[in-house]
N, C-alpha and C. Protein backbone atom coordinates (compact mmCIF):
# COMPACT_ATOMS: atom_id res chain seq x y z
N UNK A 1 -28.46 -29.18 41.30
CA UNK A 1 -27.25 -28.55 40.76
C UNK A 1 -27.36 -28.45 39.24
N UNK A 2 -27.12 -27.26 38.70
CA UNK A 2 -27.27 -27.10 37.26
C UNK A 2 -26.06 -27.64 36.50
N UNK A 3 -26.22 -27.73 35.19
CA UNK A 3 -25.22 -28.34 34.32
C UNK A 3 -23.87 -27.64 34.41
N UNK A 4 -23.86 -26.32 34.31
CA UNK A 4 -22.61 -25.57 34.33
C UNK A 4 -21.90 -25.70 35.67
N UNK A 5 -22.66 -25.78 36.73
CA UNK A 5 -22.08 -25.86 38.07
C UNK A 5 -21.35 -27.18 38.28
N UNK A 6 -21.98 -28.30 37.93
CA UNK A 6 -21.35 -29.61 38.12
C UNK A 6 -20.14 -29.76 37.20
N UNK A 7 -20.24 -29.27 35.97
CA UNK A 7 -19.12 -29.36 35.03
C UNK A 7 -17.92 -28.58 35.56
N UNK A 8 -18.18 -27.40 36.07
CA UNK A 8 -17.10 -26.56 36.60
C UNK A 8 -16.44 -27.24 37.79
N UNK A 9 -17.23 -27.84 38.66
CA UNK A 9 -16.70 -28.51 39.83
C UNK A 9 -15.84 -29.71 39.43
N UNK A 10 -16.29 -30.46 38.42
CA UNK A 10 -15.54 -31.62 37.93
C UNK A 10 -14.20 -31.17 37.37
N UNK A 11 -14.21 -30.16 36.52
CA UNK A 11 -12.97 -29.66 35.90
C UNK A 11 -11.98 -29.20 36.97
N UNK A 12 -12.47 -28.43 37.93
CA UNK A 12 -11.60 -27.93 39.00
C UNK A 12 -11.03 -29.07 39.82
N UNK A 13 -11.87 -30.03 40.17
CA UNK A 13 -11.45 -31.17 40.98
C UNK A 13 -10.38 -31.99 40.28
N UNK A 14 -10.59 -32.30 39.01
CA UNK A 14 -9.63 -33.13 38.27
C UNK A 14 -8.31 -32.38 38.08
N UNK A 15 -8.38 -31.10 37.75
CA UNK A 15 -7.14 -30.31 37.62
C UNK A 15 -6.35 -30.32 38.92
N UNK A 16 -7.04 -30.20 40.04
CA UNK A 16 -6.37 -30.20 41.34
C UNK A 16 -5.73 -31.56 41.62
N UNK A 17 -6.39 -32.64 41.20
CA UNK A 17 -5.82 -33.97 41.37
C UNK A 17 -4.51 -34.11 40.60
N UNK A 18 -4.51 -33.62 39.36
CA UNK A 18 -3.30 -33.70 38.54
C UNK A 18 -2.17 -32.83 39.10
N UNK A 19 -2.52 -31.67 39.60
CA UNK A 19 -1.50 -30.79 40.18
C UNK A 19 -0.88 -31.41 41.43
N UNK A 20 -1.68 -32.13 42.19
CA UNK A 20 -1.21 -32.69 43.46
C UNK A 20 -0.53 -34.05 43.32
N UNK A 21 -0.94 -34.84 42.32
CA UNK A 21 -0.52 -36.25 42.30
C UNK A 21 0.19 -36.72 41.04
N UNK A 22 0.35 -35.89 40.03
CA UNK A 22 0.96 -36.37 38.79
C UNK A 22 2.42 -36.75 39.00
N UNK A 23 2.75 -37.99 38.70
CA UNK A 23 4.11 -38.50 38.83
C UNK A 23 4.90 -38.23 37.55
N UNK A 24 6.21 -38.08 37.71
CA UNK A 24 7.07 -37.80 36.55
C UNK A 24 7.05 -38.91 35.51
N UNK A 25 6.63 -40.10 35.89
CA UNK A 25 6.63 -41.20 34.91
C UNK A 25 5.55 -41.00 33.85
N UNK A 26 4.54 -40.21 34.18
CA UNK A 26 3.41 -40.06 33.26
C UNK A 26 3.67 -38.97 32.23
N UNK A 27 4.46 -39.33 31.25
CA UNK A 27 4.81 -38.42 30.16
C UNK A 27 3.65 -38.27 29.19
N UNK A 28 2.90 -39.35 29.01
CA UNK A 28 1.74 -39.32 28.10
C UNK A 28 0.44 -39.07 28.85
N UNK A 29 0.22 -39.80 29.93
CA UNK A 29 -1.03 -39.67 30.68
C UNK A 29 -0.98 -38.48 31.64
N UNK A 30 -0.85 -37.30 31.07
CA UNK A 30 -0.79 -36.08 31.86
C UNK A 30 -2.07 -35.25 31.64
N UNK A 31 -2.07 -34.03 32.17
CA UNK A 31 -3.26 -33.19 32.05
C UNK A 31 -3.52 -32.80 30.60
N UNK A 32 -2.46 -32.64 29.81
CA UNK A 32 -2.64 -32.30 28.40
C UNK A 32 -3.43 -33.39 27.68
N UNK A 33 -3.13 -34.64 28.00
CA UNK A 33 -3.89 -35.75 27.40
C UNK A 33 -5.36 -35.67 27.78
N UNK A 34 -5.63 -35.41 29.05
CA UNK A 34 -7.01 -35.31 29.51
C UNK A 34 -7.75 -34.20 28.76
N UNK A 35 -7.10 -33.06 28.64
CA UNK A 35 -7.73 -31.91 27.96
C UNK A 35 -8.02 -32.24 26.50
N UNK A 36 -7.13 -32.99 25.85
CA UNK A 36 -7.36 -33.36 24.45
C UNK A 36 -8.50 -34.37 24.33
N UNK A 37 -8.61 -35.27 25.30
CA UNK A 37 -9.71 -36.23 25.29
C UNK A 37 -11.04 -35.51 25.50
N UNK A 38 -11.05 -34.56 26.42
CA UNK A 38 -12.27 -33.76 26.65
C UNK A 38 -12.66 -33.01 25.37
N UNK A 39 -11.68 -32.42 24.72
CA UNK A 39 -11.94 -31.69 23.47
C UNK A 39 -12.49 -32.63 22.39
N UNK A 40 -11.88 -33.80 22.27
CA UNK A 40 -12.35 -34.76 21.26
C UNK A 40 -13.75 -35.27 21.60
N UNK A 41 -13.99 -35.52 22.87
CA UNK A 41 -15.31 -36.00 23.30
C UNK A 41 -16.40 -34.98 22.99
N UNK A 42 -16.09 -33.72 23.25
CA UNK A 42 -17.06 -32.66 22.95
C UNK A 42 -17.28 -32.54 21.45
N UNK A 43 -16.21 -32.70 20.67
CA UNK A 43 -16.32 -32.64 19.21
C UNK A 43 -17.23 -33.74 18.68
N UNK A 44 -17.03 -34.95 19.17
CA UNK A 44 -17.85 -36.08 18.72
C UNK A 44 -19.29 -35.88 19.19
N UNK A 45 -19.45 -35.46 20.44
CA UNK A 45 -20.79 -35.24 20.99
C UNK A 45 -21.59 -34.24 20.17
N UNK A 46 -20.92 -33.20 19.71
CA UNK A 46 -21.59 -32.15 18.95
C UNK A 46 -22.15 -32.68 17.63
N UNK A 47 -21.60 -33.79 17.15
CA UNK A 47 -22.09 -34.38 15.90
C UNK A 47 -23.41 -35.12 16.12
N UNK A 48 -23.60 -35.61 17.33
CA UNK A 48 -24.81 -36.39 17.64
C UNK A 48 -25.80 -35.55 18.44
N UNK A 49 -27.05 -35.91 18.36
CA UNK A 49 -28.09 -35.18 19.07
C UNK A 49 -28.30 -35.81 20.45
N UNK A 50 -27.33 -35.57 21.32
CA UNK A 50 -27.42 -36.09 22.68
C UNK A 50 -28.34 -35.21 23.52
N UNK A 51 -28.99 -35.83 24.49
CA UNK A 51 -29.76 -35.00 25.42
C UNK A 51 -28.82 -34.39 26.45
N UNK A 52 -29.37 -33.56 27.31
CA UNK A 52 -28.55 -32.81 28.27
C UNK A 52 -27.76 -33.74 29.18
N UNK A 53 -28.40 -34.78 29.68
CA UNK A 53 -27.73 -35.70 30.60
C UNK A 53 -26.62 -36.46 29.89
N UNK A 54 -26.85 -36.89 28.67
CA UNK A 54 -25.82 -37.62 27.92
C UNK A 54 -24.62 -36.74 27.64
N UNK A 55 -24.88 -35.50 27.24
CA UNK A 55 -23.79 -34.56 26.97
C UNK A 55 -22.95 -34.34 28.22
N UNK A 56 -23.63 -34.19 29.34
CA UNK A 56 -22.98 -34.00 30.62
C UNK A 56 -22.13 -35.23 30.99
N UNK A 57 -22.69 -36.40 30.80
CA UNK A 57 -22.00 -37.65 31.14
C UNK A 57 -20.72 -37.82 30.33
N UNK A 58 -20.78 -37.52 29.04
CA UNK A 58 -19.60 -37.64 28.17
C UNK A 58 -18.50 -36.70 28.66
N UNK A 59 -18.86 -35.48 28.94
CA UNK A 59 -17.87 -34.47 29.35
C UNK A 59 -17.23 -34.85 30.69
N UNK A 60 -18.04 -35.26 31.63
CA UNK A 60 -17.52 -35.63 32.95
C UNK A 60 -16.64 -36.88 32.86
N UNK A 61 -17.10 -37.87 32.12
CA UNK A 61 -16.32 -39.10 31.98
C UNK A 61 -14.97 -38.83 31.33
N UNK A 62 -14.95 -37.94 30.35
CA UNK A 62 -13.69 -37.59 29.68
C UNK A 62 -12.72 -36.96 30.67
N UNK A 63 -13.21 -36.13 31.56
CA UNK A 63 -12.34 -35.52 32.57
C UNK A 63 -11.80 -36.55 33.56
N UNK A 64 -12.62 -37.49 33.95
CA UNK A 64 -12.25 -38.44 35.00
C UNK A 64 -11.56 -39.71 34.49
N UNK A 65 -11.52 -39.93 33.18
CA UNK A 65 -11.22 -41.28 32.67
C UNK A 65 -9.86 -41.84 33.06
N UNK A 66 -8.88 -41.00 33.41
CA UNK A 66 -7.54 -41.49 33.75
C UNK A 66 -7.08 -41.16 35.16
N UNK A 67 -7.95 -40.64 36.01
CA UNK A 67 -7.50 -40.23 37.35
C UNK A 67 -7.02 -41.42 38.17
N UNK A 68 -7.45 -42.62 37.82
CA UNK A 68 -6.98 -43.82 38.52
C UNK A 68 -5.48 -44.00 38.43
N UNK A 69 -4.90 -43.53 37.33
CA UNK A 69 -3.44 -43.58 37.17
C UNK A 69 -2.74 -42.79 38.28
N UNK A 70 -3.30 -41.64 38.61
CA UNK A 70 -2.65 -40.72 39.54
C UNK A 70 -2.49 -41.31 40.93
N UNK A 71 -3.51 -41.97 41.40
CA UNK A 71 -3.52 -42.43 42.79
C UNK A 71 -3.13 -43.89 42.97
N UNK A 72 -3.25 -44.68 41.90
CA UNK A 72 -3.03 -46.11 42.04
C UNK A 72 -1.96 -46.69 41.12
N UNK A 73 -1.53 -45.93 40.09
CA UNK A 73 -0.52 -46.42 39.14
C UNK A 73 -0.85 -47.83 38.66
N UNK A 74 -2.11 -48.05 38.35
CA UNK A 74 -2.57 -49.40 38.08
C UNK A 74 -2.93 -49.61 36.63
N UNK A 75 -2.61 -50.82 36.12
CA UNK A 75 -3.03 -51.16 34.77
C UNK A 75 -4.55 -51.25 34.67
N UNK A 76 -5.20 -51.51 35.79
CA UNK A 76 -6.66 -51.54 35.83
C UNK A 76 -7.22 -50.21 36.26
N UNK A 77 -6.59 -49.14 35.77
CA UNK A 77 -6.95 -47.80 36.25
C UNK A 77 -8.36 -47.39 35.88
N UNK A 78 -8.94 -48.01 34.84
CA UNK A 78 -10.29 -47.63 34.43
C UNK A 78 -11.30 -47.84 35.57
N UNK A 79 -11.17 -48.98 36.26
CA UNK A 79 -12.08 -49.27 37.38
C UNK A 79 -11.89 -48.25 38.49
N UNK A 80 -10.62 -47.94 38.81
CA UNK A 80 -10.34 -46.97 39.86
C UNK A 80 -10.84 -45.58 39.46
N UNK A 81 -10.66 -45.23 38.19
CA UNK A 81 -11.13 -43.93 37.69
C UNK A 81 -12.64 -43.83 37.83
N UNK A 82 -13.34 -44.92 37.48
CA UNK A 82 -14.81 -44.94 37.58
C UNK A 82 -15.24 -44.81 39.04
N UNK A 83 -14.54 -45.50 39.93
CA UNK A 83 -14.88 -45.43 41.36
C UNK A 83 -14.71 -44.02 41.90
N UNK A 84 -13.62 -43.37 41.50
CA UNK A 84 -13.36 -42.00 41.97
C UNK A 84 -14.41 -41.02 41.44
N UNK A 85 -14.82 -41.23 40.18
CA UNK A 85 -15.84 -40.37 39.59
C UNK A 85 -17.18 -40.55 40.31
N UNK A 86 -17.54 -41.80 40.55
CA UNK A 86 -18.80 -42.10 41.23
C UNK A 86 -18.80 -41.49 42.63
N UNK A 87 -17.69 -41.65 43.35
CA UNK A 87 -17.57 -41.09 44.70
C UNK A 87 -17.75 -39.57 44.69
N UNK A 88 -17.10 -38.91 43.74
CA UNK A 88 -17.20 -37.45 43.66
C UNK A 88 -18.63 -37.02 43.32
N UNK A 89 -19.23 -37.68 42.34
CA UNK A 89 -20.57 -37.30 41.91
C UNK A 89 -21.62 -37.55 42.99
N UNK A 90 -21.44 -38.61 43.78
CA UNK A 90 -22.36 -38.87 44.88
C UNK A 90 -22.25 -37.77 45.94
N UNK A 91 -21.03 -37.33 46.19
CA UNK A 91 -20.82 -36.24 47.15
C UNK A 91 -21.50 -34.95 46.69
N UNK A 92 -21.61 -34.82 45.38
CA UNK A 92 -22.25 -33.63 44.81
C UNK A 92 -23.75 -33.84 44.58
N UNK A 93 -24.26 -34.97 45.06
CA UNK A 93 -25.69 -35.30 44.93
C UNK A 93 -26.14 -35.31 43.48
N UNK A 94 -25.30 -35.86 42.61
CA UNK A 94 -25.63 -35.93 41.19
C UNK A 94 -26.73 -36.96 40.92
N UNK A 95 -27.40 -36.78 39.80
CA UNK A 95 -28.45 -37.68 39.35
C UNK A 95 -27.90 -39.10 39.20
N UNK A 96 -28.66 -40.10 39.66
CA UNK A 96 -28.21 -41.50 39.60
C UNK A 96 -28.00 -41.97 38.16
N UNK A 97 -28.84 -41.52 37.26
CA UNK A 97 -28.68 -41.91 35.86
C UNK A 97 -27.40 -41.31 35.29
N UNK A 98 -27.09 -40.09 35.70
CA UNK A 98 -25.85 -39.45 35.26
C UNK A 98 -24.65 -40.26 35.76
N UNK A 99 -24.68 -40.64 37.03
CA UNK A 99 -23.59 -41.43 37.61
C UNK A 99 -23.41 -42.74 36.85
N UNK A 100 -24.51 -43.40 36.54
CA UNK A 100 -24.45 -44.67 35.82
C UNK A 100 -23.81 -44.49 34.45
N UNK A 101 -24.20 -43.43 33.75
CA UNK A 101 -23.66 -43.17 32.41
C UNK A 101 -22.18 -42.82 32.44
N UNK A 102 -21.77 -42.05 33.43
CA UNK A 102 -20.37 -41.68 33.58
C UNK A 102 -19.53 -42.93 33.84
N UNK A 103 -19.99 -43.78 34.74
CA UNK A 103 -19.26 -45.01 35.08
C UNK A 103 -19.09 -45.89 33.84
N UNK A 104 -20.16 -46.10 33.10
CA UNK A 104 -20.11 -46.93 31.89
C UNK A 104 -19.12 -46.36 30.87
N UNK A 105 -19.15 -45.05 30.71
CA UNK A 105 -18.28 -44.40 29.72
C UNK A 105 -16.81 -44.51 30.10
N UNK A 106 -16.50 -44.37 31.37
CA UNK A 106 -15.10 -44.50 31.81
C UNK A 106 -14.61 -45.92 31.62
N UNK A 107 -15.41 -46.90 31.99
CA UNK A 107 -15.02 -48.30 31.84
C UNK A 107 -14.83 -48.68 30.37
N UNK A 108 -15.51 -47.95 29.49
CA UNK A 108 -15.40 -48.22 28.05
C UNK A 108 -14.05 -47.81 27.48
N UNK A 109 -13.27 -47.03 28.24
CA UNK A 109 -11.96 -46.61 27.73
C UNK A 109 -10.90 -47.71 27.85
N UNK A 110 -11.25 -48.82 28.45
CA UNK A 110 -10.33 -49.96 28.47
C UNK A 110 -10.15 -50.43 27.02
N UNK A 111 -8.90 -50.62 26.61
CA UNK A 111 -8.60 -50.97 25.22
C UNK A 111 -9.31 -52.26 24.82
N UNK A 112 -9.91 -52.22 23.67
CA UNK A 112 -10.64 -53.35 23.07
C UNK A 112 -11.93 -53.70 23.82
N UNK A 113 -12.44 -52.74 24.59
CA UNK A 113 -13.76 -52.94 25.20
C UNK A 113 -14.82 -52.85 24.11
N UNK A 114 -16.03 -53.24 24.44
CA UNK A 114 -17.12 -53.21 23.47
C UNK A 114 -18.31 -52.44 24.04
N UNK A 115 -18.21 -51.11 24.06
CA UNK A 115 -19.29 -50.30 24.62
C UNK A 115 -20.58 -50.44 23.83
N UNK A 116 -21.69 -50.36 24.53
CA UNK A 116 -22.99 -50.53 23.88
C UNK A 116 -23.80 -49.24 23.79
N UNK A 117 -23.52 -48.29 24.67
CA UNK A 117 -24.26 -47.03 24.63
C UNK A 117 -23.49 -45.99 23.83
N UNK A 118 -24.20 -45.03 23.28
CA UNK A 118 -23.55 -44.00 22.48
C UNK A 118 -22.59 -43.17 23.31
N UNK A 119 -22.98 -42.84 24.54
CA UNK A 119 -22.09 -42.04 25.39
C UNK A 119 -20.78 -42.78 25.66
N UNK A 120 -20.86 -44.06 25.92
CA UNK A 120 -19.65 -44.86 26.18
C UNK A 120 -18.79 -44.96 24.92
N UNK A 121 -19.43 -45.13 23.78
CA UNK A 121 -18.70 -45.20 22.51
C UNK A 121 -17.96 -43.90 22.23
N UNK A 122 -18.59 -42.79 22.53
CA UNK A 122 -17.98 -41.48 22.29
C UNK A 122 -16.74 -41.30 23.14
N UNK A 123 -16.82 -41.63 24.41
CA UNK A 123 -15.67 -41.45 25.30
C UNK A 123 -14.54 -42.41 24.93
N UNK A 124 -14.88 -43.63 24.58
CA UNK A 124 -13.86 -44.59 24.15
C UNK A 124 -13.14 -44.09 22.91
N UNK A 125 -13.88 -43.56 21.96
CA UNK A 125 -13.28 -43.03 20.73
C UNK A 125 -12.45 -41.78 21.00
N UNK A 126 -12.92 -40.96 21.91
CA UNK A 126 -12.18 -39.73 22.24
C UNK A 126 -10.83 -40.07 22.86
N UNK A 127 -10.79 -41.12 23.68
CA UNK A 127 -9.55 -41.49 24.36
C UNK A 127 -8.46 -41.90 23.36
N UNK A 128 -8.87 -42.53 22.26
CA UNK A 128 -7.90 -42.98 21.25
C UNK A 128 -8.07 -42.23 19.93
N UNK A 129 -8.60 -41.03 20.04
CA UNK A 129 -8.79 -40.16 18.87
C UNK A 129 -7.48 -39.98 18.11
N UNK A 130 -6.37 -39.87 18.87
CA UNK A 130 -5.07 -39.59 18.26
C UNK A 130 -4.56 -40.69 17.33
N UNK A 131 -5.10 -41.89 17.44
CA UNK A 131 -4.64 -42.98 16.56
C UNK A 131 -4.90 -42.65 15.09
N UNK A 132 -5.85 -41.77 14.85
CA UNK A 132 -6.20 -41.42 13.47
C UNK A 132 -5.75 -40.04 13.06
N UNK A 133 -4.84 -39.45 13.82
CA UNK A 133 -4.37 -38.10 13.50
C UNK A 133 -2.85 -38.07 13.40
N UNK A 134 -2.32 -36.96 12.93
CA UNK A 134 -0.87 -36.81 12.84
C UNK A 134 -0.23 -36.69 14.21
N UNK A 135 -1.02 -36.42 15.24
CA UNK A 135 -0.51 -36.36 16.61
C UNK A 135 0.01 -37.71 17.08
N UNK A 136 -0.43 -38.78 16.41
CA UNK A 136 -0.04 -40.12 16.83
C UNK A 136 1.48 -40.28 16.91
N UNK A 137 2.18 -39.67 15.97
CA UNK A 137 3.65 -39.82 15.95
C UNK A 137 4.26 -39.28 17.24
N UNK A 138 3.73 -38.16 17.73
CA UNK A 138 4.25 -37.57 18.96
C UNK A 138 3.77 -38.36 20.18
N UNK A 139 2.49 -38.70 20.21
CA UNK A 139 1.95 -39.39 21.38
C UNK A 139 2.50 -40.80 21.51
N UNK A 140 2.81 -41.43 20.39
CA UNK A 140 3.40 -42.78 20.43
C UNK A 140 4.76 -42.74 21.11
N UNK A 141 5.55 -41.72 20.80
CA UNK A 141 6.88 -41.59 21.42
C UNK A 141 6.76 -41.26 22.91
N UNK A 142 5.78 -40.42 23.25
CA UNK A 142 5.57 -40.08 24.67
C UNK A 142 5.14 -41.31 25.47
N UNK A 143 4.29 -42.14 24.86
CA UNK A 143 3.84 -43.35 25.53
C UNK A 143 5.00 -44.34 25.70
N UNK A 144 5.87 -44.38 24.73
CA UNK A 144 7.06 -45.24 24.79
C UNK A 144 7.94 -44.85 25.98
N UNK A 145 8.19 -43.55 26.12
CA UNK A 145 8.99 -43.05 27.24
C UNK A 145 8.30 -43.38 28.57
N UNK A 146 6.98 -43.19 28.60
CA UNK A 146 6.22 -43.46 29.82
C UNK A 146 6.33 -44.92 30.23
N UNK A 147 6.20 -45.83 29.28
CA UNK A 147 6.26 -47.25 29.59
C UNK A 147 7.66 -47.66 30.07
N UNK A 148 8.69 -47.05 29.51
CA UNK A 148 10.05 -47.34 29.96
C UNK A 148 10.23 -46.89 31.41
N UNK A 149 9.68 -45.73 31.73
CA UNK A 149 9.78 -45.24 33.10
C UNK A 149 8.92 -46.07 34.05
N UNK A 150 7.74 -46.43 33.58
CA UNK A 150 6.79 -47.18 34.41
C UNK A 150 7.36 -48.53 34.83
N UNK A 151 7.97 -49.23 33.85
CA UNK A 151 8.50 -50.55 34.14
C UNK A 151 9.98 -50.53 34.54
N UNK A 152 10.59 -49.36 34.43
CA UNK A 152 11.98 -49.22 34.85
C UNK A 152 12.96 -50.03 34.05
N UNK A 153 12.70 -50.18 32.76
CA UNK A 153 13.62 -50.93 31.90
C UNK A 153 13.51 -50.43 30.46
N UNK A 154 14.52 -50.75 29.68
CA UNK A 154 14.53 -50.34 28.28
C UNK A 154 13.53 -51.16 27.47
N UNK A 155 12.92 -50.51 26.52
CA UNK A 155 12.05 -51.19 25.56
C UNK A 155 12.62 -50.89 24.18
N UNK A 156 13.22 -51.87 23.51
CA UNK A 156 13.82 -51.62 22.20
C UNK A 156 12.82 -51.00 21.23
N UNK A 157 13.32 -50.14 20.35
CA UNK A 157 12.44 -49.42 19.41
C UNK A 157 11.60 -50.38 18.58
N UNK A 158 12.21 -51.45 18.06
CA UNK A 158 11.44 -52.34 17.18
C UNK A 158 10.34 -53.07 17.95
N UNK A 159 10.58 -53.33 19.24
CA UNK A 159 9.55 -53.96 20.07
C UNK A 159 8.38 -53.00 20.27
N UNK A 160 8.71 -51.74 20.56
CA UNK A 160 7.66 -50.76 20.79
C UNK A 160 6.86 -50.48 19.50
N UNK A 161 7.56 -50.35 18.39
CA UNK A 161 6.88 -50.07 17.14
C UNK A 161 5.98 -51.23 16.71
N UNK A 162 6.39 -52.44 16.99
CA UNK A 162 5.55 -53.59 16.69
C UNK A 162 4.28 -53.58 17.53
N UNK A 163 4.43 -53.21 18.80
CA UNK A 163 3.26 -53.15 19.68
C UNK A 163 2.32 -52.03 19.25
N UNK A 164 2.89 -50.90 18.80
CA UNK A 164 2.07 -49.79 18.32
C UNK A 164 1.31 -50.19 17.06
N UNK A 165 1.98 -50.90 16.17
CA UNK A 165 1.34 -51.37 14.94
C UNK A 165 0.22 -52.35 15.27
N UNK A 166 0.46 -53.21 16.23
CA UNK A 166 -0.55 -54.19 16.64
C UNK A 166 -1.80 -53.49 17.16
N UNK A 167 -1.60 -52.45 17.98
CA UNK A 167 -2.73 -51.68 18.49
C UNK A 167 -3.50 -51.02 17.36
N UNK A 168 -2.80 -50.38 16.46
CA UNK A 168 -3.45 -49.70 15.34
C UNK A 168 -4.26 -50.65 14.49
N UNK A 169 -3.73 -51.83 14.24
CA UNK A 169 -4.41 -52.79 13.36
C UNK A 169 -5.60 -53.45 14.04
N UNK A 170 -5.54 -53.64 15.34
CA UNK A 170 -6.64 -54.30 16.06
C UNK A 170 -7.74 -53.32 16.47
N UNK A 171 -7.37 -52.07 16.65
CA UNK A 171 -8.32 -51.07 17.13
C UNK A 171 -9.38 -50.74 16.09
N UNK A 172 -10.61 -50.56 16.57
CA UNK A 172 -11.71 -50.11 15.73
C UNK A 172 -12.45 -48.98 16.44
N UNK A 173 -12.73 -47.90 15.70
CA UNK A 173 -13.55 -46.84 16.27
C UNK A 173 -14.99 -47.31 16.39
N UNK A 174 -15.67 -46.85 17.43
CA UNK A 174 -17.03 -47.32 17.72
C UNK A 174 -18.11 -46.45 17.08
N UNK A 175 -17.82 -45.16 16.89
CA UNK A 175 -18.83 -44.26 16.31
C UNK A 175 -18.59 -44.10 14.81
N UNK A 176 -19.66 -43.95 14.09
CA UNK A 176 -19.56 -43.74 12.65
C UNK A 176 -18.81 -42.44 12.35
N UNK A 177 -19.02 -41.45 13.21
CA UNK A 177 -18.34 -40.16 13.04
C UNK A 177 -16.82 -40.34 13.01
N UNK A 178 -16.30 -41.07 13.97
CA UNK A 178 -14.84 -41.26 14.04
C UNK A 178 -14.34 -42.18 12.93
N UNK A 179 -15.13 -43.16 12.57
CA UNK A 179 -14.72 -44.03 11.45
C UNK A 179 -14.57 -43.21 10.17
N UNK A 180 -15.52 -42.34 9.92
CA UNK A 180 -15.47 -41.52 8.71
C UNK A 180 -14.36 -40.48 8.77
N UNK A 181 -14.14 -39.92 9.95
CA UNK A 181 -13.17 -38.83 10.09
C UNK A 181 -11.73 -39.32 10.21
N UNK A 182 -11.53 -40.45 10.88
CA UNK A 182 -10.18 -40.83 11.31
C UNK A 182 -9.60 -42.09 10.68
N UNK A 183 -10.42 -42.87 9.97
CA UNK A 183 -9.92 -44.14 9.45
C UNK A 183 -8.76 -43.95 8.47
N UNK A 184 -8.87 -42.95 7.61
CA UNK A 184 -7.80 -42.70 6.64
C UNK A 184 -6.51 -42.31 7.35
N UNK A 185 -6.62 -41.46 8.35
CA UNK A 185 -5.43 -41.07 9.10
C UNK A 185 -4.83 -42.23 9.86
N UNK A 186 -5.68 -43.10 10.38
CA UNK A 186 -5.16 -44.27 11.10
C UNK A 186 -4.41 -45.19 10.15
N UNK A 187 -4.92 -45.33 8.92
CA UNK A 187 -4.23 -46.17 7.94
C UNK A 187 -2.87 -45.57 7.60
N UNK A 188 -2.79 -44.26 7.53
CA UNK A 188 -1.51 -43.60 7.27
C UNK A 188 -0.52 -43.90 8.40
N UNK A 189 -1.01 -43.93 9.64
CA UNK A 189 -0.15 -44.25 10.76
C UNK A 189 0.27 -45.72 10.75
N UNK A 190 -0.61 -46.60 10.30
CA UNK A 190 -0.27 -48.01 10.13
C UNK A 190 0.84 -48.15 9.11
N UNK A 191 0.69 -47.46 8.00
CA UNK A 191 1.71 -47.51 6.94
C UNK A 191 3.04 -46.97 7.44
N UNK A 192 2.98 -45.93 8.27
CA UNK A 192 4.18 -45.33 8.83
C UNK A 192 4.92 -46.33 9.72
N UNK A 193 4.18 -47.04 10.56
CA UNK A 193 4.79 -48.04 11.44
C UNK A 193 5.41 -49.17 10.63
N UNK A 194 4.69 -49.62 9.61
CA UNK A 194 5.20 -50.70 8.76
C UNK A 194 6.47 -50.28 8.04
N UNK A 195 6.48 -49.04 7.56
CA UNK A 195 7.65 -48.54 6.83
C UNK A 195 8.86 -48.48 7.76
N UNK A 196 8.65 -48.00 8.98
CA UNK A 196 9.74 -47.91 9.94
C UNK A 196 10.31 -49.30 10.23
N UNK A 197 9.43 -50.27 10.44
CA UNK A 197 9.87 -51.62 10.76
C UNK A 197 10.62 -52.26 9.58
N UNK A 198 10.14 -51.99 8.38
CA UNK A 198 10.81 -52.52 7.18
C UNK A 198 12.21 -51.92 7.02
N UNK A 199 12.31 -50.63 7.23
CA UNK A 199 13.57 -49.93 7.04
C UNK A 199 14.60 -50.26 8.13
N UNK A 200 14.08 -50.70 9.29
CA UNK A 200 14.99 -51.01 10.39
C UNK A 200 15.17 -52.52 10.61
N UNK A 201 14.74 -53.27 9.60
CA UNK A 201 15.02 -54.69 9.59
C UNK A 201 14.29 -55.52 10.64
N UNK A 202 13.10 -55.06 11.04
CA UNK A 202 12.36 -55.81 12.04
C UNK A 202 10.91 -55.96 11.59
């Protein structure tokens, strides 16, 4: 199976999964998020001289990285996402090395993981690309709404903003490309969170 054929099948399959199974609680983890992660992953990949298999693995992993949410609503969705990707790729008789790389890259999207391969680092950085952009303000609010719906209870603004600040301060980009491109923007978002908390007495 050629590169374009497997990529097209993956994109179609994942889109169909989201159309069939996306729950209303997923305000942030929707198809738009997946598309943005794919776009970011391709952007980062283009900076590095990846071989054909690595490029393919990054793209496929980016498409599959959150499908575990759809079917299992699980905090350990990365494992489920990897399992679903592996199952699909085996059905398509994909290369074993490709399957291995895709699985590693999806598992690397777990927050605060420590990926060792470049492909895994790229996908992990793509998943949290927004932490270093102006989109963070919008995505942070969407994630807040999602968590309130997921747990079925209110989350006070100061509690959520503190947790967002904690994530921003602990998070580190894995690729030099993202560190150079996004670190300044991430610091601006850190300052924004701190300012909000100061102004609201928390």
